[in-house]
Protein backbone atom coordinates (compact mmCIF):
# COMPACT_ATOMS: atom_id res chain seq x y z
CA UNK A 1 301.91 65.02 11.76
CA UNK A 2 300.19 62.50 9.50
CA UNK A 3 296.95 60.93 10.80
CA UNK A 4 297.28 57.40 12.12
CA UNK A 5 296.51 54.77 9.48
CA UNK A 6 293.28 52.87 10.05
CA UNK A 7 293.72 49.22 10.91
CA UNK A 8 292.50 46.60 8.44
CA UNK A 9 290.52 43.52 9.45
CA UNK A 10 290.31 40.25 7.53
CA UNK A 11 287.42 37.90 8.41
CA UNK A 12 288.20 34.18 8.52
CA UNK A 13 285.07 32.14 9.14
CA UNK A 14 282.30 30.52 7.18
CA UNK A 15 279.95 32.89 5.38
CA UNK A 16 276.85 31.95 7.36
CA UNK A 17 278.69 32.43 10.67
CA UNK A 18 279.82 35.89 9.60
CA UNK A 19 276.26 36.80 8.65
CA UNK A 20 274.97 35.64 12.06
CA UNK A 21 277.83 37.14 14.01
CA UNK A 22 277.98 40.63 12.56
CA UNK A 23 274.53 42.13 12.84
CA UNK A 24 274.01 45.34 10.84
CA UNK A 25 274.70 47.44 13.94
CA UNK A 26 277.90 45.53 14.72
CA UNK A 27 279.03 45.70 11.11
CA UNK A 28 278.54 49.48 11.21
CA UNK A 29 280.55 49.71 14.42
CA UNK A 30 283.33 47.66 12.84
CA UNK A 31 283.50 49.80 9.71
CA UNK A 32 283.49 52.95 11.82
CA UNK A 33 286.82 52.07 13.40
CA UNK A 34 288.66 49.83 10.89
CA UNK A 35 288.82 48.94 7.21
CA UNK A 36 287.09 45.61 6.62
CA UNK A 37 288.78 43.60 3.88
CA UNK A 38 286.16 41.96 1.70
CA UNK A 39 287.69 38.50 1.42
CA UNK A 40 285.80 35.73 3.23
CA UNK A 41 288.13 32.88 4.10
CA UNK A 42 286.17 29.65 4.45
CA UNK A 43 288.57 26.79 3.86
CA UNK A 44 292.14 27.79 3.13
CA UNK A 45 294.68 30.57 3.40
CA UNK A 46 296.43 29.23 0.27
CA UNK A 47 294.31 31.06 -2.31
CA UNK A 48 296.33 33.87 -3.97
CA UNK A 49 293.55 36.40 -3.36
CA UNK A 50 293.46 35.48 0.32
CA UNK A 51 297.25 35.64 0.55
CA UNK A 52 297.12 39.15 -0.87
CA UNK A 53 294.50 40.18 1.68
CA UNK A 54 296.62 38.67 4.46
CA UNK A 55 299.43 40.97 3.49
CA UNK A 56 297.19 43.98 4.18
CA UNK A 57 295.60 42.71 7.40
CA UNK A 58 296.39 44.06 10.87
CA UNK A 59 293.72 41.98 12.61
CA UNK A 60 292.31 38.56 11.83
CA UNK A 61 288.69 38.18 12.96
CA UNK A 62 288.03 34.46 13.20
CA UNK A 63 285.03 32.28 13.88
CA UNK A 64 283.66 28.80 13.28
CA UNK A 65 284.92 27.56 9.94
CA UNK A 66 288.31 29.26 10.14
CA UNK A 67 291.10 27.15 8.62
CA UNK A 68 294.25 26.44 10.66
CA UNK A 69 296.27 29.53 11.57
CA UNK A 70 299.97 28.61 11.66
CA UNK A 71 303.33 30.28 11.62
CA UNK A 72 303.28 30.03 7.83
CA UNK A 73 300.08 32.09 7.74
CA UNK A 74 301.75 34.74 9.91
CA UNK A 75 304.74 34.79 7.56
CA UNK A 76 302.37 35.96 4.82
CA UNK A 77 300.83 38.59 7.11
CA UNK A 78 303.70 40.91 8.11
CA UNK A 79 301.36 43.57 9.51
CA UNK A 80 299.21 41.19 11.52
CA UNK A 81 299.24 42.10 15.21
CA UNK A 82 296.17 40.38 16.64
CA UNK A 83 293.74 37.52 16.17
CA UNK A 84 290.26 38.08 17.60
CA UNK A 85 288.25 34.86 17.84
CA UNK A 86 284.49 35.27 17.98
CA UNK A 87 283.85 31.92 19.69
CA UNK A 88 285.29 29.81 22.50
CA UNK A 89 288.41 27.72 22.12
CA UNK A 90 291.16 28.52 19.62
CA UNK A 91 292.97 25.29 20.44
CA UNK A 92 291.54 23.50 17.42
CA UNK A 93 292.95 25.86 14.80
CA UNK A 94 295.64 28.12 16.32
CA UNK A 95 299.16 26.79 16.76
CA UNK A 96 301.22 27.63 19.88
CA UNK A 97 303.63 29.54 17.63
CA UNK A 98 300.85 31.99 16.77
CA UNK A 99 300.14 32.69 20.46
CA UNK A 100 303.82 33.43 20.95
CA UNK A 101 303.98 35.87 18.01
CA UNK A 102 300.75 37.88 18.16
CA UNK A 103 298.00 38.68 20.66
CA UNK A 104 295.08 36.26 20.53
CA UNK A 105 291.73 37.08 22.10
CA UNK A 106 288.75 34.72 22.45
CA UNK A 107 285.06 34.87 23.27
CA UNK A 108 285.28 31.91 25.66
CA UNK A 109 283.98 34.06 28.52
CA UNK A 110 280.85 34.79 26.46
CA UNK A 111 280.33 31.23 25.21
CA UNK A 112 280.56 29.96 28.80
CA UNK A 113 277.24 31.56 29.78
CA UNK A 114 274.89 29.52 27.55
CA UNK A 115 276.83 26.35 28.41
CA UNK A 116 276.30 27.00 32.11
CA UNK A 117 272.61 27.78 31.54
CA UNK A 118 272.16 24.55 29.57
CA UNK A 119 273.93 22.62 32.31
CA UNK A 120 271.78 23.95 35.14
CA UNK A 121 268.63 23.31 33.10
CA UNK A 122 269.73 19.70 32.57
CA UNK A 123 270.55 19.30 36.26
CA UNK A 124 266.99 20.31 37.10
CA UNK A 125 265.42 18.11 34.42
CA UNK A 126 267.74 15.19 35.08
CA UNK A 127 267.00 15.25 38.79
CA UNK A 128 263.28 15.14 37.95
CA UNK A 129 263.85 12.08 35.71
CA UNK A 130 262.16 14.04 32.94
CA UNK A 131 263.70 12.05 30.10
CA UNK A 132 262.89 8.57 31.39
CA UNK A 133 259.38 9.57 32.54
CA UNK A 134 258.62 11.25 29.19
CA UNK A 135 259.77 8.09 27.40
CA UNK A 136 257.58 6.00 29.67
CA UNK A 137 254.54 8.12 28.88
CA UNK A 138 255.28 8.17 25.15
CA UNK A 139 255.85 4.44 24.77
CA UNK A 140 253.47 2.90 27.33
CA UNK A 141 250.81 5.53 27.98
CA UNK A 142 251.51 5.24 31.70
CA UNK A 143 251.07 8.70 33.15
CA UNK A 144 253.83 8.36 35.73
CA UNK A 145 255.05 5.17 37.31
CA UNK A 146 257.33 6.61 39.95
CA UNK A 147 258.16 3.17 41.31
CA UNK A 148 259.69 2.20 37.97
CA UNK A 149 261.42 5.57 37.52
CA UNK A 150 262.11 7.08 40.96
CA UNK A 151 262.56 10.86 40.68
CA UNK A 152 265.17 12.67 42.72
CA UNK A 153 263.97 16.23 42.59
CA UNK A 154 266.47 19.03 43.06
CA UNK A 155 266.01 19.95 46.69
CA UNK A 156 268.67 18.59 49.03
CA UNK A 157 270.64 16.60 46.47
CA UNK A 158 274.41 16.65 46.04
CA UNK A 159 275.77 18.01 42.76
CA UNK A 160 279.39 17.30 41.87
CA UNK A 161 281.25 19.65 39.55
CA UNK A 162 284.33 18.24 37.84
CA UNK A 163 286.63 21.25 37.29
CA UNK A 164 286.28 24.86 38.38
CA UNK A 165 286.78 25.98 34.80
CA UNK A 166 285.12 29.08 33.39
CA UNK A 167 281.91 27.12 32.83
CA UNK A 168 282.28 25.15 36.06
CA UNK A 169 282.45 28.37 38.08
CA UNK A 170 279.34 29.75 36.41
CA UNK A 171 277.48 26.50 37.16
CA UNK A 172 278.50 26.68 40.82
CA UNK A 173 277.40 30.32 40.98
CA UNK A 174 273.98 29.48 39.56
CA UNK A 175 273.52 26.44 41.79
CA UNK A 176 274.12 28.52 44.93
CA UNK A 177 270.56 29.80 44.57
CA UNK A 178 269.17 26.26 44.93
CA UNK A 179 268.93 24.04 47.99
CA UNK A 180 271.70 21.70 46.87
CA UNK A 181 275.07 20.64 48.22
CA UNK A 182 277.85 21.50 45.78
CA UNK A 183 281.08 19.51 45.57
CA UNK A 184 284.00 20.33 43.31
CA UNK A 185 287.20 18.60 42.32
CA UNK A 186 289.90 20.59 40.57
CA UNK A 187 293.55 19.83 41.37
CA UNK A 188 294.62 23.18 39.85
CA UNK A 189 292.57 25.28 42.31
CA UNK A 190 293.29 25.47 46.04
CA UNK A 191 290.66 24.49 48.58
CA UNK A 192 290.17 28.01 49.92
CA UNK A 193 289.26 29.29 46.47
CA UNK A 194 286.79 26.47 45.89
CA UNK A 195 285.11 27.21 49.23
CA UNK A 196 284.94 30.90 48.31
CA UNK A 197 283.15 29.90 45.11
CA UNK A 198 280.57 28.07 47.20
CA UNK A 199 281.69 24.47 46.71
CA UNK A 200 283.13 21.86 49.03
CA UNK A 201 286.54 20.72 47.75
CA UNK A 202 286.80 16.95 47.49
CA UNK A 203 289.03 14.30 45.96
CA UNK A 204 288.16 12.80 42.59
CA UNK A 205 287.00 9.53 44.16
CA UNK A 206 284.88 11.33 46.76
CA UNK A 207 283.32 13.50 44.06
CA UNK A 208 281.96 10.41 42.33
CA UNK A 209 281.04 8.55 45.51
CA UNK A 210 278.86 11.40 46.81
CA UNK A 211 277.38 13.03 43.69
CA UNK A 212 273.77 12.33 42.75
CA UNK A 213 274.31 14.56 39.75
CA UNK A 214 277.83 14.75 38.27
CA UNK A 215 278.52 17.50 35.74
CA UNK A 216 281.76 17.59 33.74
CA UNK A 217 283.54 20.85 32.85
CA UNK A 218 287.18 19.81 32.53
CA UNK A 219 289.36 20.51 29.48
CA UNK A 220 290.43 17.60 27.30
CA UNK A 221 294.10 17.00 28.10
CA UNK A 222 296.25 13.86 28.05
CA UNK A 223 295.54 13.44 31.77
CA UNK A 224 291.77 13.84 31.35
CA UNK A 225 291.35 11.58 28.31
CA UNK A 226 288.84 8.92 29.41
CA UNK A 227 289.32 10.12 32.98
CA UNK A 228 285.71 9.19 33.73
CA UNK A 229 286.18 5.46 33.38
CA UNK A 230 284.37 2.34 34.57
CA UNK A 231 286.06 2.54 37.97
CA UNK A 232 284.83 6.07 38.69
CA UNK A 233 281.38 5.53 37.18
CA UNK A 234 280.92 2.49 39.42
CA UNK A 235 281.40 4.74 42.46
CA UNK A 236 278.43 6.94 41.57
CA UNK A 237 275.30 6.24 43.63
CA UNK A 238 272.48 4.29 42.01
CA UNK A 239 270.25 6.50 39.82
CA UNK A 240 272.90 9.24 39.59
CA UNK A 241 272.85 11.53 36.54
CA UNK A 242 275.98 12.20 34.48
CA UNK A 243 276.04 15.44 32.47
CA UNK A 244 278.78 16.27 29.97
CA UNK A 245 279.02 19.61 28.16
CA UNK A 246 282.84 19.64 28.03
CA UNK A 247 284.51 17.16 25.67
CA UNK A 248 283.21 13.72 24.79
CA UNK A 249 286.54 11.92 25.17
CA UNK A 250 286.73 12.77 28.90
CA UNK A 251 284.25 9.90 29.40
CA UNK A 252 284.90 6.28 28.48
CA UNK A 253 281.91 5.88 26.16
CA UNK A 254 281.76 2.09 26.46
CA UNK A 255 281.83 2.24 30.25
CA UNK A 256 279.06 4.85 30.40
CA UNK A 257 276.98 2.90 27.89
CA UNK A 258 277.24 -0.21 30.05
CA UNK A 259 276.05 1.66 33.15
CA UNK A 260 273.17 3.38 31.35
CA UNK A 261 272.05 0.17 29.68
CA UNK A 262 271.37 -1.37 33.09
CA UNK A 263 269.38 1.69 34.13
CA UNK A 264 271.67 2.31 37.10
CA UNK A 265 272.82 5.68 35.74
CA UNK A 266 271.17 8.38 33.63
CA UNK A 267 273.09 10.67 31.30
CA UNK A 268 272.75 13.97 29.46
CA UNK A 269 275.42 14.30 26.79
CA UNK A 270 275.88 17.39 24.66
CA UNK A 271 279.28 16.04 23.56
CA UNK A 272 280.22 12.46 22.77
CA UNK A 273 283.16 10.36 21.64
CA UNK A 274 283.01 9.85 18.75
CA UNK A 275 281.00 12.89 17.73
CA UNK A 276 278.49 12.37 16.35
CA UNK A 277 277.70 8.87 17.53
CA UNK A 278 276.71 6.28 14.91
CA UNK A 279 272.93 6.26 14.47
CA UNK A 280 272.66 2.75 15.88
CA UNK A 281 274.63 3.55 19.05
CA UNK A 282 272.76 2.48 22.21
CA UNK A 283 273.18 5.86 23.89
CA UNK A 284 270.96 7.41 21.22
CA UNK A 285 268.12 5.02 22.00
CA UNK A 286 268.14 4.45 25.75
CA UNK A 287 265.17 6.01 27.59
CA UNK A 288 267.35 7.32 30.42
CA UNK A 289 269.85 9.09 28.15
CA UNK A 290 269.50 12.40 26.33
CA UNK A 291 272.08 13.15 23.61
CA UNK A 292 271.98 16.63 22.09
CA UNK A 293 274.03 17.72 19.05
CA UNK A 294 276.65 19.97 20.70
CA UNK A 295 274.20 22.83 21.24
CA UNK A 296 275.06 23.98 24.77
CA UNK A 297 277.29 26.79 23.49
CA UNK A 298 276.11 29.95 21.78
CA UNK A 299 273.47 29.43 19.08
CA UNK A 300 270.90 31.64 17.38
CA UNK A 301 270.36 34.91 19.18
CA UNK A 302 273.16 34.03 21.62
CA UNK A 303 275.75 34.48 18.85
CA UNK A 304 275.21 38.22 18.88
CA UNK A 305 276.95 38.44 22.26
CA UNK A 306 280.03 36.82 20.71
CA UNK A 307 279.99 39.38 17.92
CA UNK A 308 279.60 42.21 20.43
CA UNK A 309 282.63 41.00 22.39
CA UNK A 310 284.79 40.57 19.28
CA UNK A 311 283.92 43.99 17.89
CA UNK A 312 284.63 45.58 21.29
CA UNK A 313 288.11 44.03 21.25
CA UNK A 314 288.75 45.43 17.75
CA UNK A 315 287.50 48.85 18.85
CA UNK A 316 290.04 48.79 21.68
CA UNK A 317 292.84 48.00 19.24
CA UNK A 318 291.71 50.78 16.90
CA UNK A 319 291.80 53.20 19.84
CA UNK A 320 295.34 52.15 20.75
CA UNK A 321 294.20 50.20 23.81
CA UNK A 322 295.05 46.60 24.78
CA UNK A 323 292.53 43.82 24.32
CA UNK A 324 290.85 42.50 27.46
CA UNK A 325 290.47 38.79 26.70
CA UNK A 326 293.97 37.82 25.52
CA UNK A 327 295.05 34.26 26.26
CA UNK A 328 298.57 33.07 27.04
CA UNK A 329 300.50 30.06 25.81
CA UNK A 330 299.96 28.40 29.20
CA UNK A 331 296.21 28.99 28.98
CA UNK A 332 296.15 27.50 25.49
CA UNK A 333 297.64 24.26 26.81
CA UNK A 334 295.03 23.87 29.55
CA UNK A 335 292.01 25.23 27.66
CA UNK A 336 289.10 23.13 26.47
């Protein structure tokens, strides 16, 4: 009996991402179980050298910077059996046809952890009015005028979670250790499951009417585009904090800007619409708003966990085992 042929992996991501993702130890693990094709795909699968490498590839290891993967790409990769994505969503570059033809695995479960950690940190800081009070100190020298900027503090407040998504569930789990009331609205999850997670299930309108901090974790779908509009924002209590680490277009930017300009609402936005905002946009300059440049997900030393997960999936394939984090066509439709 002939020995089983080693699988071949083609990397499709930007060079700097590959260098961050595959630490020396992970690169050694990868080469111990598969043949790593040397081509680095950064912008296109059209290059003749890349097309040749595709023909030899059994696995496509993708990351940030990967060009679109379509049915045409698969047609030039007759041996390809799996795509292993070393980051969160594949929705931006993988077509539904690809999901139907080969197994696709993602690192969304890994990327969710730093997003949840960022969110909880911003809930704590937002409730303390850290951003407005720091601005007050920086611009006026006033040590802390709590009459002008009334702090909430975390204890006893109500936090609303929009969507029991992967990140939303992690946020709820981490908030259970704090003395807060947790509400959640997610029409795709039944009430019993939300209660088991530790959240009170509520309607969308009630979520906004009761939440002193509202954190958004819904996917961007046709039905969630600008879901958080002027009508819902107006229902939030005075001095509520809006946090968005999901997708910028879930919020009506003009409506949120109007509320924040008056000082009635505060906001922490890691995602915006458009992204990035123009430099002269009011949200970038208001004292009660913090805009960060889409950094809630894995960065720096957090990227290693994504590489670890991706290499583990490839090791399973090399051992003849199924991958653990495969997504379905239905999950692709409803993913972030």
